[in-house]
N, C-alpha and C. Protein backbone atom coordinates (compact mmCIF):
# COMPACT_ATOMS: atom_id res chain seq x y z
N MET A 1 -26.41 5.76 -26.06
CA MET A 1 -25.92 5.88 -24.50
C MET A 1 -25.94 7.66 -23.89
N PRO A 2 -26.31 7.53 -22.68
CA PRO A 2 -25.73 8.79 -22.24
C PRO A 2 -25.02 8.96 -21.85
N LYS A 3 -24.46 10.31 -21.35
CA LYS A 3 -23.12 10.35 -21.22
C LYS A 3 -23.19 10.18 -19.27
N LEU A 4 -21.74 9.72 -18.81
CA LEU A 4 -21.91 8.98 -17.50
C LEU A 4 -21.33 10.09 -16.74
N LYS A 5 -21.60 10.16 -15.48
CA LYS A 5 -21.43 11.57 -14.72
C LYS A 5 -20.14 10.68 -13.57
N THR A 6 -19.06 12.10 -13.71
CA THR A 6 -17.93 11.59 -12.87
C THR A 6 -18.29 12.18 -11.11
N ARG A 7 -18.03 11.47 -10.70
CA ARG A 7 -18.28 11.75 -9.20
C ARG A 7 -16.99 12.87 -8.62
N LYS A 8 -17.33 13.67 -8.20
CA LYS A 8 -16.68 14.74 -7.89
C LYS A 8 -15.51 15.07 -7.02
N ALA A 9 -15.94 14.15 -5.90
CA ALA A 9 -15.68 13.87 -4.54
C ALA A 9 -14.34 12.31 -5.28
N ALA A 10 -14.17 11.71 -6.19
CA ALA A 10 -13.07 10.91 -6.43
C ALA A 10 -12.16 11.83 -7.82
N ALA A 11 -13.32 12.71 -8.40
CA ALA A 11 -11.89 13.71 -9.40
C ALA A 11 -10.95 14.85 -8.55
N LYS A 12 -11.30 14.67 -6.71
CA LYS A 12 -10.88 15.67 -6.75
C LYS A 12 -9.72 14.61 -5.98
N ARG A 13 -9.51 13.90 -5.75
CA ARG A 13 -8.54 12.89 -4.81
C ARG A 13 -7.44 12.11 -6.16
N PHE A 14 -8.27 11.58 -7.17
CA PHE A 14 -7.38 10.84 -7.96
C PHE A 14 -6.34 11.66 -9.27
N LYS A 15 -5.57 11.44 -9.27
CA LYS A 15 -4.71 12.30 -10.83
C LYS A 15 -4.57 11.04 -11.90
N LEU A 16 -4.30 11.49 -12.92
CA LEU A 16 -3.24 10.79 -13.98
C LEU A 16 -1.82 11.31 -13.49
N SER A 17 -1.11 10.44 -13.97
CA SER A 17 0.58 10.26 -13.69
C SER A 17 0.57 11.01 -15.02
N GLY A 18 1.75 11.25 -15.22
CA GLY A 18 2.85 12.13 -16.19
C GLY A 18 2.66 11.35 -17.90
N SER A 19 2.88 9.46 -17.39
CA SER A 19 2.47 9.72 -18.89
C SER A 19 0.71 9.28 -19.10
N GLY A 20 0.25 9.12 -17.97
CA GLY A 20 -1.01 9.00 -18.31
C GLY A 20 -2.02 7.55 -18.08
N LYS A 21 -0.89 6.32 -17.69
CA LYS A 21 -1.29 5.14 -17.66
C LYS A 21 -1.34 4.67 -16.34
N LYS A 22 -0.74 5.68 -15.31
CA LYS A 22 -1.05 5.28 -13.65
C LYS A 22 -2.41 6.65 -12.93
N VAL A 23 -2.58 5.69 -11.82
CA VAL A 23 -3.92 6.67 -11.65
C VAL A 23 -2.92 6.77 -10.21
N MET A 24 -2.96 8.47 -9.50
CA MET A 24 -2.20 8.84 -8.64
C MET A 24 -3.17 9.18 -7.75
N ARG A 25 -2.51 8.56 -5.94
CA ARG A 25 -3.09 8.96 -5.23
C ARG A 25 -2.17 10.34 -3.50
N ARG A 26 -3.22 10.25 -2.58
CA ARG A 26 -2.64 11.33 -1.69
C ARG A 26 -2.16 9.90 -0.78
N LYS A 27 -0.96 10.09 -0.13
CA LYS A 27 -1.23 9.12 1.56
C LYS A 27 -1.67 9.93 2.73
N ALA A 28 -2.06 8.54 3.56
CA ALA A 28 -2.67 8.91 4.54
C ALA A 28 -1.84 9.23 5.36
N PHE A 29 -2.13 9.58 7.01
CA PHE A 29 -2.12 9.40 7.82
C PHE A 29 -0.84 11.08 8.00
N LYS A 30 -1.55 11.72 7.14
CA LYS A 30 -0.36 13.73 7.16
C LYS A 30 -1.30 15.26 7.31
N ASN A 31 -2.28 14.48 7.95
CA ASN A 31 -3.17 15.64 8.51
C ASN A 31 -3.40 16.07 9.57
N HIS A 32 -2.95 15.46 10.43
CA HIS A 32 -3.01 16.02 12.03
C HIS A 32 -2.34 15.07 13.01
N LEU A 33 -2.02 15.22 13.95
CA LEU A 33 -1.08 14.82 15.04
C LEU A 33 0.36 14.03 14.18
N LEU A 34 0.92 15.61 13.81
CA LEU A 34 2.27 15.62 13.05
C LEU A 34 3.05 15.51 14.26
N GLN A 35 3.32 15.92 15.28
CA GLN A 35 4.26 16.30 16.04
C GLN A 35 4.86 15.05 16.64
N HIS A 36 4.46 14.54 16.60
CA HIS A 36 5.25 12.82 17.26
C HIS A 36 5.91 11.83 16.35
N LYS A 37 5.44 12.35 14.96
CA LYS A 37 5.43 11.52 13.82
C LYS A 37 7.07 12.09 13.49
N SER A 38 8.06 11.17 12.85
CA SER A 38 9.89 12.39 12.41
C SER A 38 9.64 12.44 10.96
N SER A 39 10.39 13.65 10.75
CA SER A 39 10.42 14.53 9.81
C SER A 39 10.27 13.31 8.37
N LYS A 40 11.40 12.23 8.51
CA LYS A 40 11.68 11.40 7.22
C LYS A 40 10.00 10.73 6.94
N ARG A 41 9.00 10.51 8.36
CA ARG A 41 8.40 9.71 7.73
C ARG A 41 7.08 10.36 7.37
N LYS A 42 7.24 12.01 7.98
CA LYS A 42 5.76 13.18 7.34
C LYS A 42 6.50 13.11 5.83
N ARG A 43 8.08 13.37 5.83
CA ARG A 43 8.09 13.83 4.33
C ARG A 43 7.86 12.98 3.37
N ASN A 44 7.78 11.28 3.44
CA ASN A 44 7.52 10.49 3.01
C ASN A 44 6.18 10.17 2.46
N LEU A 45 5.15 10.25 3.56
CA LEU A 45 3.71 10.94 3.12
C LEU A 45 3.85 11.91 2.04
N SER A 46 4.57 12.63 1.95
CA SER A 46 3.95 13.63 1.35
C SER A 46 4.00 13.49 -0.11
N ASN A 47 4.69 12.36 -0.56
CA ASN A 47 4.88 11.98 -2.15
C ASN A 47 3.50 11.25 -2.05
N LYS A 48 3.33 11.05 -3.58
CA LYS A 48 1.83 11.02 -3.92
C LYS A 48 2.48 9.51 -4.28
N ALA A 49 1.91 8.13 -4.64
CA ALA A 49 1.18 7.08 -4.16
C ALA A 49 0.38 6.78 -5.47
N VAL A 50 0.98 5.36 -6.11
CA VAL A 50 0.21 4.38 -7.60
C VAL A 50 -1.35 3.83 -6.67
N VAL A 51 -2.53 4.20 -7.08
CA VAL A 51 -3.55 3.17 -6.73
C VAL A 51 -3.50 1.74 -7.33
N ASP A 52 -3.45 0.96 -6.05
CA ASP A 52 -3.09 -0.21 -6.43
C ASP A 52 -4.31 -1.18 -7.56
N GLN A 53 -4.04 -1.72 -7.73
CA GLN A 53 -4.35 -2.99 -9.03
C GLN A 53 -5.66 -2.85 -8.46
N GLY A 54 -5.33 -3.37 -7.35
CA GLY A 54 -7.20 -4.14 -7.06
C GLY A 54 -8.17 -3.01 -6.55
N ASP A 55 -7.52 -2.20 -6.44
CA ASP A 55 -8.64 -0.16 -6.18
C ASP A 55 -9.07 0.29 -7.93
N MET A 56 -8.21 -0.37 -8.61
CA MET A 56 -8.41 0.06 -9.95
C MET A 56 -9.77 0.06 -10.26
N LEU A 57 -10.44 -1.09 -10.55
CA LEU A 57 -11.77 -1.44 -11.15
C LEU A 57 -12.70 -0.09 -10.69
N ASN A 58 -12.69 -0.10 -9.30
CA ASN A 58 -13.35 1.66 -8.28
C ASN A 58 -13.10 2.69 -8.97
N VAL A 59 -12.11 3.19 -9.07
CA VAL A 59 -11.54 4.36 -9.61
C VAL A 59 -12.36 4.49 -10.69
N ARG A 60 -11.67 3.83 -12.03
CA ARG A 60 -12.49 3.64 -13.01
C ARG A 60 -14.17 3.74 -13.10
N GLU A 61 -14.82 3.32 -12.18
CA GLU A 61 -15.96 3.44 -12.64
C GLU A 61 -16.10 4.99 -11.65
N MET A 62 -16.39 5.48 -10.81
CA MET A 62 -15.95 6.53 -10.19
C MET A 62 -15.68 7.86 -11.54
N MET A 63 -14.96 7.41 -12.26
CA MET A 63 -14.20 8.23 -13.09
C MET A 63 -14.30 7.74 -14.95
N PRO A 64 -15.26 7.87 -15.45
CA PRO A 64 -15.12 6.70 -16.42
C PRO A 64 -14.26 7.18 -17.76
N TYR A 65 -14.14 8.64 -17.61
CA TYR A 65 -13.20 9.54 -18.65
C TYR A 65 -12.12 9.87 -18.02
N LEU A 66 -11.42 9.18 -17.09
CA LEU A 66 -10.12 8.79 -16.66
C LEU A 66 -9.23 8.67 -17.28
């Protein structure tokens, strides 16, 4: 069985949590047009989020050795 390649775009976007059981991602809407968003909203967008269970299969296929 040959080795599987990791999709490098996915490797840059997803990381494992500290326990190694969850996959973490960045939140959207934090890169531009920030002047009208509140500080609280921008602060909450800075936190990491857990990848949803419905998307986990896609992430696992893109990163087989995660």
